[in-house]
Structures are given as C-alpha cells and as structure tokens.
C-alpha cells in the first residue's frame, strides 16, 4: 500500500515515540484510531440486522424445484472472499466497516481472507459475525491479517502463524488446516511487503509461501489468498512451482478482475500517479493423491465496486470473490 508511509509520517509527527517507520505505525495506532468507531457503527446496527433478517426471510420463501436444484449446486461449492479492508484509513471508517459486515452477512462466504485489520475494526466485525464465523487473527497490535471460517461449513483443525524473518512491516502468514465437506484443505492468507522498493523482501516472502504450499501432504488442497503487492515481473523472477496455479490465470484472465487496486476508478485516496495493479491474488495447489476429489476454480469477481452512501468505497482495494467446485 503506497499510502502507508504517508500516514506513518503523520503519526510519527504527532507521537514522536519511535525512530522507525513500522514501530511508529504500531505504537501510534491506538491513539490515532481512538475514535468512537464502535459507537458510531452501532447507530444503524439494529436496522441493518432487521433488513438482513427480512431479506433472509424473503429468500426462504422460495422452495420450487428449480431453486432447490440451484441451492444444492451452490451448497457443493466453496465460496471465498479475499479483501484488504484498509483499516488503517480513518476516513469514514465506521461507515466502511458497516458496509463490509453487511456485504458478508448478505453473501455469507465460507472463507474470508482479510488484510489491514486493526483492533476497533475486528471488534466490530466480531460483534456482528462471530456467531457464525470462527476468527483467526494474525496479531493484536498495529495492523494485521485475519481469516474467517463459516462454522456451519468449515471445521478448523489447526492453525499457525508463520513469521517472515526479514519483514520490516510486521508481515506474517496465517496457515489453517480445515475440513470442508470431508475434504482436507490448507488455507493461507498474508499481506506481503508493501511498496515497489521492497521487491526483494516481497519475493522472499512469496518463496516462503510457495514452499509451504508445495510441502503440504498430497491429499490436501491448498488455497492461498492475500494482498500480495506483487508485480508480474516479480512473480516471473520467483517462478511458480508447476503444481501451483494463479486462479485468475486459470480462469482465463477475465478482464473484469484484472485490477484489484485501481486508482483510476477508486477515489478513496488521491494519488498523484494513478496506478492500476493486480495486488490481490489467489493461488491454488490441487491435491495430488489418487481418489481425492479435485477443487477447481469456477468463477471470480471483483467486489466493493459501488460507493457507500457516505461517498466512499468499502476499501481502496476491490475485494476478490471466488467460487470453487469440489466434486
């Protein structure tokens, strides 16, 4: 994220508590975001819940044979959302947090990978979603990554937090072993080192991710998703293992998903140079053992493309929504 260092300078000036960029961000966040976010978010909570419930009730009325067939097909698919939610940006944060939660409640994905979370943001999300989702957090200070697993569909067996030894931005990797409809999955999410100048560290982190993906047992399907900050040339230099595919490429490089960070369209931040990049990526390593059902990419879409009533988008990143067939 380009804006990180601009914000860091602001925080550093206001706190004067650290001599390094990343420790400044970590130490200053509790002060910088000590707003009444949860209180502000709660204002419309009751009406939103009622609206969501009414929508669910209306959907439940439909019970014809065609709808039942479609429901069965959808039930067999694994749905996943990956989104850098830009929790570091205090602009319209309560409204954006509400928008994210409303989207997740409405679409009810099986798996959610999140980046750039902060404590006020995750606390509000848990208040709305913890009844239906297991939360895994990649930290409890500063900004961090997270994973959400739908309790009725995903069984969490084990999770671990893998550190990147040379990261200067507190970056790490969540690895979760789960079951989905009896199938073994290894789910991973991360936020790789930001900014073009840190390509070397970012590529080291990508190599570690690929190593973990390829080392998984051959009866396990591995899915990685996150804000990779990768440029195509960096992926070429590292090289993807033959058993790992880029899901977007596997689906034929759909144009509507080409850019997940698009400063030409997304107006949450005003940059002098308007870049369009595919920072947010999904990688798949299929299970190789004979007899194990294959997980295959089925569809992909960018989400969060509509402005909220407050005039902002949910994030400066588009989210990535993907469905996988599992039979």
C-alpha atoms as a PDB file:
ATOM      1  CA  UNK A   1       0.000   0.000   0.000  1.00  0.00           C
ATOM      2  CA  UNK A   2       1.521   3.289  -1.108  1.00  0.00           C
ATOM      3  CA  UNK A   3      -0.269   5.377   1.485  1.00  0.00           C
ATOM      4  CA  UNK A   4       1.292   3.581   4.432  1.00  0.00           C
ATOM      5  CA  UNK A   5       4.338   5.767   4.557  1.00  0.00           C
ATOM      6  CA  UNK A   6       2.369   8.984   4.133  1.00  0.00           C
ATOM      7  CA  UNK A   7       0.239   8.023   7.119  1.00  0.00           C
ATOM      8  CA  UNK A   8       3.303   6.900   9.034  1.00  0.00           C
ATOM      9  CA  UNK A   9       4.860  10.335   8.716  1.00  0.00           C
ATOM     10  CA  UNK A  10       1.686  11.905  10.099  1.00  0.00           C
ATOM     11  CA  UNK A  11       1.622   9.534  13.020  1.00  0.00           C
ATOM     12  CA  UNK A  12       5.303   9.972  13.694  1.00  0.00           C
ATOM     13  CA  UNK A  13       4.932  13.746  13.840  1.00  0.00           C
ATOM     14  CA  UNK A  14       2.025  13.502  16.289  1.00  0.00           C
ATOM     15  CA  UNK A  15       3.540  10.942  18.671  1.00  0.00           C
ATOM     16  CA  UNK A  16       7.320  11.383  18.483  1.00  0.00           C
ATOM     17  CA  UNK A  17       7.629   7.968  20.146  1.00  0.00           C
ATOM     18  CA  UNK A  18       9.631   5.956  17.656  1.00  0.00           C
ATOM     19  CA  UNK A  19      12.582   6.245  15.318  1.00  0.00           C
ATOM     20  CA  UNK A  20      11.476   3.646  12.777  1.00  0.00           C
ATOM     21  CA  UNK A  21       8.581   3.675  10.351  1.00  0.00           C
ATOM     22  CA  UNK A  22       6.982   0.393  11.403  1.00  0.00           C
ATOM     23  CA  UNK A  23       7.244   0.828  15.160  1.00  0.00           C
ATOM     24  CA  UNK A  24       5.756   4.296  14.707  1.00  0.00           C
ATOM     25  CA  UNK A  25       2.725   2.809  12.991  1.00  0.00           C
ATOM     26  CA  UNK A  26       2.358   0.152  15.694  1.00  0.00           C
ATOM     27  CA  UNK A  27       2.663   2.490  18.656  1.00  0.00           C
ATOM     28  CA  UNK A  28       0.550   5.272  17.214  1.00  0.00           C
ATOM     29  CA  UNK A  29      -2.457   3.304  16.024  1.00  0.00           C
ATOM     30  CA  UNK A  30      -4.172   3.062  19.426  1.00  0.00           C
ATOM     31  CA  UNK A  31      -4.033   6.866  19.678  1.00  0.00           C
ATOM     32  CA  UNK A  32      -4.759   7.684  16.048  1.00  0.00           C
ATOM     33  CA  UNK A  33      -7.814   5.427  15.920  1.00  0.00           C
ATOM     34  CA  UNK A  34      -9.061   6.111  19.439  1.00  0.00           C
ATOM     35  CA  UNK A  35     -12.348   7.282  17.976  1.00  0.00           C
ATOM     36  CA  UNK A  36     -15.821   6.138  18.884  1.00  0.00           C
ATOM     37  CA  UNK A  37     -15.871   3.814  15.918  1.00  0.00           C
ATOM     38  CA  UNK A  38     -17.811   1.038  17.606  1.00  0.00           C
ATOM     39  CA  UNK A  39     -20.295   3.576  18.998  1.00  0.00           C
ATOM     40  CA  UNK A  40     -20.733   5.154  15.587  1.00  0.00           C
ATOM     41  CA  UNK A  41     -21.058   1.770  13.920  1.00  0.00           C
ATOM     42  CA  UNK A  42     -23.777   0.765  16.357  1.00  0.00           C
ATOM     43  CA  UNK A  43     -26.096   3.603  15.327  1.00  0.00           C
ATOM     44  CA  UNK A  44     -27.548   1.772  12.351  1.00  0.00           C
ATOM     45  CA  UNK A  45     -26.855  -1.757  13.581  1.00  0.00           C
ATOM     46  CA  UNK A  46     -30.383  -2.596  14.646  1.00  0.00           C
ATOM     47  CA  UNK A  47     -31.980  -1.519  11.378  1.00  0.00           C
ATOM     48  CA  UNK A  48     -29.313  -3.298   9.343  1.00  0.00           C
ATOM     49  CA  UNK A  49     -29.853  -6.549  11.218  1.00  0.00           C
ATOM     50  CA  UNK A  50     -33.614  -6.274  10.678  1.00  0.00           C
ATOM     51  CA  UNK A  51     -33.048  -5.597   6.992  1.00  0.00           C
ATOM     52  CA  UNK A  52     -30.738  -8.603   6.682  1.00  0.00           C
ATOM     53  CA  UNK A  53     -33.239 -10.802   8.509  1.00  0.00           C
ATOM     54  CA  UNK A  54     -36.075  -9.641   6.255  1.00  0.00           C
ATOM     55  CA  UNK A  55     -34.002 -10.411   3.182  1.00  0.00           C
ATOM     56  CA  UNK A  56     -33.196 -13.870   4.513  1.00  0.00           C
ATOM     57  CA  UNK A  57     -36.878 -14.484   5.260  1.00  0.00           C
ATOM     58  CA  UNK A  58     -37.871 -13.495   1.744  1.00  0.00           C
ATOM     59  CA  UNK A  59     -35.278 -15.856   0.277  1.00  0.00           C
ATOM     60  CA  UNK A  60     -36.524 -18.697   2.446  1.00  0.00           C
ATOM     61  CA  UNK A  61     -39.981 -18.461   0.873  1.00  0.00           C
ATOM     62  CA  UNK A  62     -38.695 -19.713  -2.470  1.00  0.00           C
ATOM     63  CA  UNK A  63     -38.932 -23.514  -2.481  1.00  0.00           C
ATOM     64  CA  UNK A  64     -39.676 -24.564  -6.050  1.00  0.00           C
ATOM     65  CA  UNK A  65     -37.757 -27.421  -7.681  1.00  0.00           C
ATOM     66  CA  UNK A  66     -35.521 -25.150  -9.757  1.00  0.00           C
ATOM     67  CA  UNK A  67     -34.442 -23.169  -6.715  1.00  0.00           C
ATOM     68  CA  UNK A  68     -33.760 -26.361  -4.762  1.00  0.00           C
ATOM     69  CA  UNK A  69     -31.533 -27.689  -7.547  1.00  0.00           C
ATOM     70  CA  UNK A  70     -29.610 -24.420  -7.655  1.00  0.00           C
ATOM     71  CA  UNK A  71     -29.235 -24.438  -3.874  1.00  0.00           C
ATOM     72  CA  UNK A  72     -27.752 -27.937  -3.990  1.00  0.00           C
ATOM     73  CA  UNK A  73     -25.273 -26.878  -6.661  1.00  0.00           C
ATOM     74  CA  UNK A  74     -24.248 -23.810  -4.684  1.00  0.00           C
ATOM     75  CA  UNK A  75     -24.017 -25.847  -1.489  1.00  0.00           C
ATOM     76  CA  UNK A  76     -21.372 -28.075  -3.057  1.00  0.00           C
ATOM     77  CA  UNK A  77     -19.175 -25.105  -3.959  1.00  0.00           C
ATOM     78  CA  UNK A  78     -16.596 -23.445  -1.736  1.00  0.00           C
ATOM     79  CA  UNK A  79     -17.045 -19.664  -1.658  1.00  0.00           C
ATOM     80  CA  UNK A  80     -14.117 -17.427  -0.724  1.00  0.00           C
ATOM     81  CA  UNK A  81     -13.599 -13.691  -0.372  1.00  0.00           C
ATOM     82  CA  UNK A  82     -10.197 -12.020  -0.108  1.00  0.00           C
ATOM     83  CA  UNK A  83     -10.105  -8.322   0.807  1.00  0.00           C
ATOM     84  CA  UNK A  84      -7.658  -5.730   2.054  1.00  0.00           C
ATOM     85  CA  UNK A  85     -10.151  -3.652   4.052  1.00  0.00           C
ATOM     86  CA  UNK A  86      -7.868  -0.629   4.544  1.00  0.00           C
ATOM     87  CA  UNK A  87      -8.440  -0.445   8.284  1.00  0.00           C
ATOM     88  CA  UNK A  88      -5.549   1.999   8.567  1.00  0.00           C
ATOM     89  CA  UNK A  89      -7.567   4.724   6.886  1.00  0.00           C
ATOM     90  CA  UNK A  90      -9.680   6.593   9.428  1.00  0.00           C
ATOM     91  CA  UNK A  91     -11.767   8.328   6.746  1.00  0.00           C
ATOM     92  CA  UNK A  92     -15.409   7.190   7.043  1.00  0.00           C
ATOM     93  CA  UNK A  93     -14.178   4.105   8.857  1.00  0.00           C
ATOM     94  CA  UNK A  94     -17.440   3.301  10.721  1.00  0.00           C
ATOM     95  CA  UNK A  95     -19.452   3.519   7.514  1.00  0.00           C
ATOM     96  CA  UNK A  96     -16.957   1.363   5.644  1.00  0.00           C
ATOM     97  CA  UNK A  97     -16.891  -1.237   8.436  1.00  0.00           C
ATOM     98  CA  UNK A  98     -20.682  -1.391   8.386  1.00  0.00           C
ATOM     99  CA  UNK A  99     -20.593  -1.798   4.618  1.00  0.00           C
ATOM    100  CA  UNK A 100     -18.161  -4.704   4.844  1.00  0.00           C
ATOM    101  CA  UNK A 101     -20.182  -6.508   7.503  1.00  0.00           C
ATOM    102  CA  UNK A 102     -23.424  -6.001   5.594  1.00  0.00           C
ATOM    103  CA  UNK A 103     -21.793  -7.463   2.497  1.00  0.00           C
ATOM    104  CA  UNK A 104     -20.510 -10.520   4.367  1.00  0.00           C
ATOM    105  CA  UNK A 105     -23.867 -11.085   6.061  1.00  0.00           C
ATOM    106  CA  UNK A 106     -25.655 -10.832   2.722  1.00  0.00           C
ATOM    107  CA  UNK A 107     -23.316 -13.120   0.753  1.00  0.00           C
ATOM    108  CA  UNK A 108     -22.300 -15.497   3.574  1.00  0.00           C
ATOM    109  CA  UNK A 109     -18.994 -16.774   2.129  1.00  0.00           C
ATOM    110  CA  UNK A 110     -17.428 -19.953   3.507  1.00  0.00           C
ATOM    111  CA  UNK A 111     -13.956 -18.428   3.861  1.00  0.00           C
ATOM    112  CA  UNK A 112     -12.817 -14.814   4.210  1.00  0.00           C
ATOM    113  CA  UNK A 113      -9.200 -13.641   3.987  1.00  0.00           C
ATOM    114  CA  UNK A 114      -8.674 -10.114   5.353  1.00  0.00           C
ATOM    115  CA  UNK A 115      -5.718  -7.728   5.407  1.00  0.00           C
ATOM    116  CA  UNK A 116      -5.053  -4.386   7.136  1.00  0.00           C
ATOM    117  CA  UNK A 117      -7.271  -5.053  10.115  1.00  0.00           C
ATOM    118  CA  UNK A 118      -6.988  -3.018  13.311  1.00  0.00           C
ATOM    119  CA  UNK A 119      -8.495  -3.798  16.710  1.00  0.00           C
ATOM    120  CA  UNK A 120     -11.540  -1.453  16.566  1.00  0.00           C
ATOM    121  CA  UNK A 121     -12.394  -2.885  13.150  1.00  0.00           C
ATOM    122  CA  UNK A 122     -12.087  -6.544  14.176  1.00  0.00           C
ATOM    123  CA  UNK A 123     -14.006  -5.968  17.409  1.00  0.00           C
ATOM    124  CA  UNK A 124     -16.923  -4.554  15.458  1.00  0.00           C
ATOM    125  CA  UNK A 125     -16.788  -7.428  12.966  1.00  0.00           C
ATOM    126  CA  UNK A 126     -16.825  -9.994  15.755  1.00  0.00           C
ATOM    127  CA  UNK A 127     -19.845  -8.347  17.320  1.00  0.00           C
ATOM    128  CA  UNK A 128     -21.742  -8.816  14.079  1.00  0.00           C
ATOM    129  CA  UNK A 129     -20.307 -12.080  12.757  1.00  0.00           C
ATOM    130  CA  UNK A 130     -18.724 -14.188  15.500  1.00  0.00           C
ATOM    131  CA  UNK A 131     -21.890 -16.268  15.995  1.00  0.00           C
ATOM    132  CA  UNK A 132     -21.452 -17.694  12.504  1.00  0.00           C
ATOM    133  CA  UNK A 133     -17.710 -17.439  11.904  1.00  0.00           C
ATOM    134  CA  UNK A 134     -14.515 -18.612  13.560  1.00  0.00           C
ATOM    135  CA  UNK A 135     -11.985 -15.766  13.588  1.00  0.00           C
ATOM    136  CA  UNK A 136      -8.224 -16.279  13.310  1.00  0.00           C
ATOM    137  CA  UNK A 137      -6.110 -13.169  13.832  1.00  0.00           C
ATOM    138  CA  UNK A 138      -2.546 -12.619  12.724  1.00  0.00           C
ATOM    139  CA  UNK A 139      -1.790 -10.130  15.505  1.00  0.00           C
ATOM    140  CA  UNK A 140      -3.300  -7.965  18.203  1.00  0.00           C
ATOM    141  CA  UNK A 141      -1.374  -4.712  17.795  1.00  0.00           C
ATOM    142  CA  UNK A 142      -0.949  -2.270  14.954  1.00  0.00           C
ATOM    143  CA  UNK A 143      -2.440  -3.645  11.757  1.00  0.00           C
ATOM    144  CA  UNK A 144      -2.666  -7.333  10.909  1.00  0.00           C
ATOM    145  CA  UNK A 145      -4.237 -10.047   8.778  1.00  0.00           C
ATOM    146  CA  UNK A 146      -7.178 -12.259   9.618  1.00  0.00           C
ATOM    147  CA  UNK A 147      -9.190 -15.253   8.478  1.00  0.00           C
ATOM    148  CA  UNK A 148     -12.876 -16.071   8.941  1.00  0.00           C
ATOM    149  CA  UNK A 149     -14.301 -19.593   8.617  1.00  0.00           C
ATOM    150  CA  UNK A 150     -18.027 -20.268   8.404  1.00  0.00           C
ATOM    151  CA  UNK A 151     -18.819 -22.543  11.343  1.00  0.00           C
ATOM    152  CA  UNK A 152     -21.628 -24.445   9.634  1.00  0.00           C
ATOM    153  CA  UNK A 153     -19.433 -25.365   6.649  1.00  0.00           C
ATOM    154  CA  UNK A 154     -15.779 -25.305   7.696  1.00  0.00           C
ATOM    155  CA  UNK A 155     -14.218 -27.324  10.529  1.00  0.00           C
ATOM    156  CA  UNK A 156     -10.991 -25.815  11.868  1.00  0.00           C
ATOM    157  CA  UNK A 157      -8.457 -28.490  12.807  1.00  0.00           C
ATOM    158  CA  UNK A 158      -5.338 -26.423  13.461  1.00  0.00           C
ATOM    159  CA  UNK A 159      -3.881 -23.013  12.710  1.00  0.00           C
ATOM    160  CA  UNK A 160      -0.444 -21.448  12.971  1.00  0.00           C
ATOM    161  CA  UNK A 161       1.171 -18.084  12.436  1.00  0.00           C
ATOM    162  CA  UNK A 162       4.331 -18.085  10.320  1.00  0.00           C
ATOM    163  CA  UNK A 163       6.642 -15.083  10.604  1.00  0.00           C
ATOM    164  CA  UNK A 164       8.678 -13.592   7.776  1.00  0.00           C
ATOM    165  CA  UNK A 165      12.133 -13.284   9.396  1.00  0.00           C
ATOM    166  CA  UNK A 166      13.273 -10.196   7.491  1.00  0.00           C
ATOM    167  CA  UNK A 167       9.994  -8.274   7.219  1.00  0.00           C
ATOM    168  CA  UNK A 168      10.203  -4.664   8.390  1.00  0.00           C
ATOM    169  CA  UNK A 169       6.437  -4.187   8.239  1.00  0.00           C
ATOM    170  CA  UNK A 170       5.225  -6.783  10.754  1.00  0.00           C
ATOM    171  CA  UNK A 171       4.052  -9.077   7.938  1.00  0.00           C
ATOM    172  CA  UNK A 172       3.271 -12.753   8.502  1.00  0.00           C
ATOM    173  CA  UNK A 173       1.299 -15.729   7.172  1.00  0.00           C
ATOM    174  CA  UNK A 174      -1.739 -17.498   8.640  1.00  0.00           C
ATOM    175  CA  UNK A 175      -1.930 -21.225   7.847  1.00  0.00           C
ATOM    176  CA  UNK A 176      -5.122 -23.095   8.753  1.00  0.00           C
ATOM    177  CA  UNK A 177      -5.830 -26.813   8.349  1.00  0.00           C
ATOM    178  CA  UNK A 178      -9.564 -27.342   7.834  1.00  0.00           C
ATOM    179  CA  UNK A 179     -12.209 -29.759   6.594  1.00  0.00           C
ATOM    180  CA  UNK A 180     -14.833 -28.801   4.015  1.00  0.00           C
ATOM    181  CA  UNK A 181     -17.445 -31.458   3.243  1.00  0.00           C
ATOM    182  CA  UNK A 182     -14.942 -34.061   4.403  1.00  0.00           C
ATOM    183  CA  UNK A 183     -12.141 -32.740   2.189  1.00  0.00           C
ATOM    184  CA  UNK A 184      -8.834 -31.625   3.650  1.00  0.00           C
ATOM    185  CA  UNK A 185      -7.929 -28.044   2.868  1.00  0.00           C
ATOM    186  CA  UNK A 186      -4.978 -25.894   3.861  1.00  0.00           C
ATOM    187  CA  UNK A 187      -5.957 -22.219   3.807  1.00  0.00           C
ATOM    188  CA  UNK A 188      -3.356 -19.450   3.825  1.00  0.00           C
ATOM    189  CA  UNK A 189      -3.512 -15.677   3.838  1.00  0.00           C
ATOM    190  CA  UNK A 190      -0.908 -12.942   4.035  1.00  0.00           C
ATOM    191  CA  UNK A 191      -0.119  -9.306   3.310  1.00  0.00           C
ATOM    192  CA  UNK A 192       3.247  -9.250   1.575  1.00  0.00           C
ATOM    193  CA  UNK A 193       5.715  -6.391   1.980  1.00  0.00           C
ATOM    194  CA  UNK A 194       4.440  -3.123   0.501  1.00  0.00           C
ATOM    195  CA  UNK A 195       5.957  -0.611  -1.947  1.00  0.00           C
ATOM    196  CA  UNK A 196       7.903  -1.090  -5.130  1.00  0.00           C
ATOM    197  CA  UNK A 197      11.261  -0.548  -3.404  1.00  0.00           C
ATOM    198  CA  UNK A 198      10.717  -3.635  -1.233  1.00  0.00           C
ATOM    199  CA  UNK A 199      10.523  -6.102  -4.109  1.00  0.00           C
ATOM    200  CA  UNK A 200      13.396  -8.188  -2.723  1.00  0.00           C
ATOM    201  CA  UNK A 201      11.687  -8.822   0.611  1.00  0.00           C
ATOM    202  CA  UNK A 202       8.348  -9.387  -1.095  1.00  0.00           C
ATOM    203  CA  UNK A 203       9.855 -12.070  -3.337  1.00  0.00           C
ATOM    204  CA  UNK A 204      11.453 -13.766  -0.326  1.00  0.00           C
ATOM    205  CA  UNK A 205       8.034 -13.879   1.295  1.00  0.00           C
ATOM    206  CA  UNK A 206       6.473 -15.313  -1.872  1.00  0.00           C
ATOM    207  CA  UNK A 207       9.104 -18.058  -1.937  1.00  0.00           C
ATOM    208  CA  UNK A 208       8.227 -18.971   1.641  1.00  0.00           C
ATOM    209  CA  UNK A 209       4.521 -19.112   0.751  1.00  0.00           C
ATOM    210  CA  UNK A 210       5.222 -21.342  -2.248  1.00  0.00           C
ATOM    211  CA  UNK A 211       7.397 -23.602  -0.111  1.00  0.00           C
ATOM    212  CA  UNK A 212       4.593 -24.066   2.394  1.00  0.00           C
ATOM    213  CA  UNK A 213       2.110 -24.749  -0.399  1.00  0.00           C
ATOM    214  CA  UNK A 214       4.239 -27.395  -2.089  1.00  0.00           C
ATOM    215  CA  UNK A 215       5.168 -29.111   1.184  1.00  0.00           C
ATOM    216  CA  UNK A 216       1.546 -29.803   2.148  1.00  0.00           C
ATOM    217  CA  UNK A 217       0.542 -33.511   2.081  1.00  0.00           C
ATOM    218  CA  UNK A 218      -0.648 -34.736  -1.316  1.00  0.00           C
ATOM    219  CA  UNK A 219      -4.164 -35.469  -0.047  1.00  0.00           C
ATOM    220  CA  UNK A 220      -4.625 -31.790   0.886  1.00  0.00           C
ATOM    221  CA  UNK A 221      -5.815 -28.965  -1.362  1.00  0.00           C
ATOM    222  CA  UNK A 222      -4.013 -25.684  -0.635  1.00  0.00           C
ATOM    223  CA  UNK A 223      -5.527 -22.243  -1.212  1.00  0.00           C
ATOM    224  CA  UNK A 224      -3.588 -19.027  -0.645  1.00  0.00           C
ATOM    225  CA  UNK A 225      -5.057 -15.555  -0.963  1.00  0.00           C
ATOM    226  CA  UNK A 226      -3.979 -12.105   0.088  1.00  0.00           C
ATOM    227  CA  UNK A 227      -2.774  -8.639  -0.743  1.00  0.00           C
ATOM    228  CA  UNK A 228       0.500  -9.729  -2.301  1.00  0.00           C
ATOM    229  CA  UNK A 229       1.622  -6.302  -3.578  1.00  0.00           C
ATOM    230  CA  UNK A 230       3.231  -8.344  -6.370  1.00  0.00           C
ATOM    231  CA  UNK A 231       4.138  -7.037  -9.778  1.00  0.00           C
ATOM    232  CA  UNK A 232       4.045  -9.566 -12.627  1.00  0.00           C
ATOM    233  CA  UNK A 233       7.796  -9.273 -13.165  1.00  0.00           C
ATOM    234  CA  UNK A 234       8.425 -10.312  -9.560  1.00  0.00           C
ATOM    235  CA  UNK A 235       6.327 -13.452  -9.957  1.00  0.00           C
ATOM    236  CA  UNK A 236       8.295 -14.306 -13.096  1.00  0.00           C
ATOM    237  CA  UNK A 237      11.574 -13.919 -11.196  1.00  0.00           C
ATOM    238  CA  UNK A 238      10.438 -16.168  -8.352  1.00  0.00           C
ATOM    239  CA  UNK A 239       8.614 -18.628 -10.587  1.00  0.00           C
ATOM    240  CA  UNK A 240       5.517 -20.534  -9.513  1.00  0.00           C
ATOM    241  CA  UNK A 241       6.008 -24.259  -8.833  1.00  0.00           C
ATOM    242  CA  UNK A 242       4.469 -26.482 -11.505  1.00  0.00           C
ATOM    243  CA  UNK A 243       1.857 -27.717  -9.024  1.00  0.00           C
ATOM    244  CA  UNK A 244       0.658 -24.185  -8.149  1.00  0.00           C
ATOM    245  CA  UNK A 245      -1.585 -22.068 -10.356  1.00  0.00           C
ATOM    246  CA  UNK A 246      -2.727 -18.454 -10.291  1.00  0.00           C
ATOM    247  CA  UNK A 247      -6.522 -18.744 -10.063  1.00  0.00           C
ATOM    248  CA  UNK A 248      -7.135 -15.642 -12.189  1.00  0.00           C
ATOM    249  CA  UNK A 249      -4.926 -17.054 -14.940  1.00  0.00           C
ATOM    250  CA  UNK A 250      -6.547 -20.474 -14.597  1.00  0.00           C
ATOM    251  CA  UNK A 251      -9.945 -18.867 -15.270  1.00  0.00           C
ATOM    252  CA  UNK A 252      -8.687 -17.304 -18.492  1.00  0.00           C
ATOM    253  CA  UNK A 253      -7.561 -13.924 -17.149  1.00  0.00           C
ATOM    254  CA  UNK A 254     -11.031 -12.319 -17.035  1.00  0.00           C
ATOM    255  CA  UNK A 255     -10.727  -8.623 -17.779  1.00  0.00           C
ATOM    256  CA  UNK A 256     -13.218  -7.579 -15.090  1.00  0.00           C
ATOM    257  CA  UNK A 257     -10.845  -8.994 -12.443  1.00  0.00           C
ATOM    258  CA  UNK A 258      -7.591  -7.736 -13.924  1.00  0.00           C
ATOM    259  CA  UNK A 259      -7.114  -4.862 -11.451  1.00  0.00           C
ATOM    260  CA  UNK A 260      -7.797  -5.133  -7.742  1.00  0.00           C
ATOM    261  CA  UNK A 261      -6.126  -1.823  -6.846  1.00  0.00           C
ATOM    262  CA  UNK A 262      -7.333   0.754  -9.337  1.00  0.00           C
ATOM    263  CA  UNK A 263      -6.622   4.392  -8.542  1.00  0.00           C
ATOM    264  CA  UNK A 264      -8.220   5.393 -11.853  1.00  0.00           C
ATOM    265  CA  UNK A 265     -11.637   4.366 -10.523  1.00  0.00           C
ATOM    266  CA  UNK A 266     -11.370   4.099  -6.742  1.00  0.00           C
ATOM    267  CA  UNK A 267     -11.439   7.590  -5.235  1.00  0.00           C
ATOM    268  CA  UNK A 268     -10.869   6.699  -1.575  1.00  0.00           C
ATOM    269  CA  UNK A 269      -7.337   8.025  -1.917  1.00  0.00           C
ATOM    270  CA  UNK A 270      -5.995  10.829  -4.046  1.00  0.00           C
ATOM    271  CA  UNK A 271      -2.708   9.800  -5.624  1.00  0.00           C
ATOM    272  CA  UNK A 272      -0.674  11.920  -7.986  1.00  0.00           C
ATOM    273  CA  UNK A 273       0.083   8.864 -10.118  1.00  0.00           C
ATOM    274  CA  UNK A 274      -2.974   6.742 -10.931  1.00  0.00           C
ATOM    275  CA  UNK A 275      -1.826   3.127 -10.916  1.00  0.00           C
ATOM    276  CA  UNK A 276      -3.807   0.004 -11.797  1.00  0.00           C
ATOM    277  CA  UNK A 277      -2.377  -3.226 -10.414  1.00  0.00           C
ATOM    278  CA  UNK A 278      -3.387  -6.777  -9.530  1.00  0.00           C
ATOM    279  CA  UNK A 279      -2.126  -6.786  -5.962  1.00  0.00           C
ATOM    280  CA  UNK A 280      -4.702  -9.215  -4.590  1.00  0.00           C
ATOM    281  CA  UNK A 281      -4.113 -12.755  -5.834  1.00  0.00           C
ATOM    282  CA  UNK A 282      -5.270 -16.303  -5.224  1.00  0.00           C
ATOM    283  CA  UNK A 283      -3.076 -19.358  -5.681  1.00  0.00           C
ATOM    284  CA  UNK A 284      -4.228 -22.988  -5.780  1.00  0.00           C
ATOM    285  CA  UNK A 285      -2.341 -26.238  -5.295  1.00  0.00           C
ATOM    286  CA  UNK A 286      -4.578 -29.174  -6.044  1.00  0.00           C
ATOM    287  CA  UNK A 287      -4.471 -32.405  -4.074  1.00  0.00           C
ATOM    288  CA  UNK A 288      -2.312 -34.910  -5.959  1.00  0.00           C
ATOM    289  CA  UNK A 289      -3.318 -38.169  -4.290  1.00  0.00           C
ATOM    290  CA  UNK A 290      -5.429 -40.562  -6.370  1.00  0.00           C
ATOM    291  CA  UNK A 291      -9.057 -40.698  -5.362  1.00  0.00           C
ATOM    292  CA  UNK A 292      -9.103 -37.295  -3.670  1.00  0.00           C
ATOM    293  CA  UNK A 293     -11.815 -35.003  -5.110  1.00  0.00           C
ATOM    294  CA  UNK A 294     -10.390 -32.071  -7.027  1.00  0.00           C
ATOM    295  CA  UNK A 295     -11.054 -28.459  -6.119  1.00  0.00           C
ATOM    296  CA  UNK A 296     -11.373 -26.402  -9.291  1.00  0.00           C
ATOM    297  CA  UNK A 297     -11.849 -22.651  -9.802  1.00  0.00           C
ATOM    298  CA  UNK A 298     -15.369 -21.970 -11.026  1.00  0.00           C
ATOM    299  CA  UNK A 299     -15.778 -18.183 -11.104  1.00  0.00           C
ATOM    300  CA  UNK A 300     -14.178 -14.940  -9.937  1.00  0.00           C
ATOM    301  CA  UNK A 301     -15.420 -11.394  -9.461  1.00  0.00           C
ATOM    302  CA  UNK A 302     -14.157  -8.145  -8.006  1.00  0.00           C
ATOM    303  CA  UNK A 303     -16.457  -6.750  -5.310  1.00  0.00           C
ATOM    304  CA  UNK A 304     -16.926  -3.493  -3.436  1.00  0.00           C
ATOM    305  CA  UNK A 305     -17.226  -1.545  -6.685  1.00  0.00           C
ATOM    306  CA  UNK A 306     -20.173   0.536  -5.523  1.00  0.00           C
ATOM    307  CA  UNK A 307     -19.784   3.621  -3.366  1.00  0.00           C
ATOM    308  CA  UNK A 308     -21.475   3.642   0.014  1.00  0.00           C
ATOM    309  CA  UNK A 309     -23.914   6.406   0.961  1.00  0.00           C
ATOM    310  CA  UNK A 310     -21.048   8.215   2.697  1.00  0.00           C
ATOM    311  CA  UNK A 311     -19.352   8.676  -0.679  1.00  0.00           C
ATOM    312  CA  UNK A 312     -16.506   6.206  -0.072  1.00  0.00           C
ATOM    313  CA  UNK A 313     -15.876   2.664  -1.199  1.00  0.00           C
ATOM    314  CA  UNK A 314     -15.518  -0.062   1.442  1.00  0.00           C
ATOM    315  CA  UNK A 315     -11.765  -0.046   0.769  1.00  0.00           C
ATOM    316  CA  UNK A 316      -9.186   1.377  -1.587  1.00  0.00           C
ATOM    317  CA  UNK A 317      -8.806  -2.236  -2.783  1.00  0.00           C
ATOM    318  CA  UNK A 318     -11.526  -4.147  -4.564  1.00  0.00           C
ATOM    319  CA  UNK A 319     -12.316  -7.420  -2.885  1.00  0.00           C
ATOM    320  CA  UNK A 320     -11.928 -10.690  -4.776  1.00  0.00           C
ATOM    321  CA  UNK A 321     -14.772 -13.208  -4.622  1.00  0.00           C
ATOM    322  CA  UNK A 322     -14.167 -16.707  -5.943  1.00  0.00           C
ATOM    323  CA  UNK A 323     -16.171 -19.932  -6.092  1.00  0.00           C
ATOM    324  CA  UNK A 324     -14.617 -23.387  -6.349  1.00  0.00           C
ATOM    325  CA  UNK A 325     -16.283 -26.630  -7.367  1.00  0.00           C
ATOM    326  CA  UNK A 326     -15.434 -29.513  -5.047  1.00  0.00           C
ATOM    327  CA  UNK A 327     -16.944 -32.550  -6.735  1.00  0.00           C
END
